[in-house]
Amino acid sequence: MSPRWEPNPDVRTGRHVVSHLHAHLVFVTKYRRGVFTDEMLARCGEIMREVCADFEVELREF
């Protein structure tokens, strides 16, 4: 079989679709002031991890 047809664990396949998606989200506050407290960042991190687990995706950095 051709090497281009070897399965790649990073590529998600469906019946009629192949996808390899990356997203980079940046949250910027108005006037770039430091408004996020440690508690807020910790809670946002928990939420992001839960969402990533639901979508079966990898959170590389927060």
Protein backbone atom coordinates (compact mmCIF):
# COMPACT_ATOMS: atom_id res chain seq x y z
CA MET A 1 0.00 0.00 0.00
CA SER A 2 1.22 3.53 -0.73
CA PRO A 3 2.82 5.40 2.23
CA ARG A 4 0.33 8.25 1.86
CA TRP A 5 -2.46 5.88 2.91
CA GLU A 6 -0.92 4.91 6.25
CA PRO A 7 -3.23 5.91 9.11
CA ASN A 8 -2.21 9.01 11.04
CA PRO A 9 -3.48 9.18 14.66
CA ASP A 10 -3.59 13.01 14.49
CA VAL A 11 -6.04 13.02 11.58
CA ARG A 12 -9.72 12.46 12.33
CA THR A 13 -11.68 10.66 9.64
CA GLY A 14 -15.35 10.21 9.05
CA ARG A 15 -17.44 8.65 6.36
CA HIS A 16 -16.92 11.46 3.85
CA VAL A 17 -14.53 13.76 5.67
CA VAL A 18 -10.93 13.99 6.82
CA SER A 19 -9.92 16.75 9.21
CA HIS A 20 -6.82 17.92 11.01
CA LEU A 21 -7.79 21.09 12.86
CA HIS A 22 -5.81 23.45 15.06
CA ALA A 23 -7.19 26.42 16.96
CA HIS A 24 -5.35 29.23 18.67
CA LEU A 25 -7.55 31.30 20.98
CA VAL A 26 -6.34 34.56 22.49
CA PHE A 27 -8.36 36.49 25.04
CA VAL A 28 -7.48 40.19 25.12
CA THR A 29 -9.11 42.60 27.54
CA LYS A 30 -10.03 46.15 26.68
CA TYR A 31 -6.97 48.42 26.86
CA ARG A 32 -4.92 45.29 27.71
CA ARG A 33 -5.26 45.85 31.45
CA GLY A 34 -4.51 43.02 33.85
CA VAL A 35 -8.10 42.24 34.91
CA PHE A 36 -7.86 38.45 35.27
CA THR A 37 -7.23 37.28 38.82
CA ASP A 38 -5.59 33.95 39.69
CA GLU A 39 -9.01 32.56 40.66
CA MET A 40 -10.50 33.59 37.32
CA LEU A 41 -7.64 32.02 35.38
CA ALA A 42 -7.90 28.80 37.39
CA ARG A 43 -11.65 28.55 36.69
CA CYS A 44 -11.15 29.33 32.98
CA GLY A 45 -8.53 26.57 32.86
CA GLU A 46 -10.96 24.08 34.41
CA ILE A 47 -13.68 25.03 31.92
CA MET A 48 -11.32 24.75 28.95
CA ARG A 49 -10.14 21.31 30.09
CA GLU A 50 -13.75 20.11 30.46
CA VAL A 51 -14.69 21.39 27.01
CA CYS A 52 -11.62 19.79 25.46
CA ALA A 53 -12.44 16.47 27.14
CA ASP A 54 -16.01 16.64 25.77
CA PHE A 55 -14.73 17.23 22.23
CA GLU A 56 -11.92 14.67 22.59
CA VAL A 57 -9.23 17.23 21.75
CA GLU A 58 -5.87 18.06 23.28
CA LEU A 59 -5.27 21.25 25.23
CA ARG A 60 -1.59 21.93 24.73
CA GLU A 61 -1.16 25.14 26.67
CA PHE A 62 -3.25 27.38 28.89
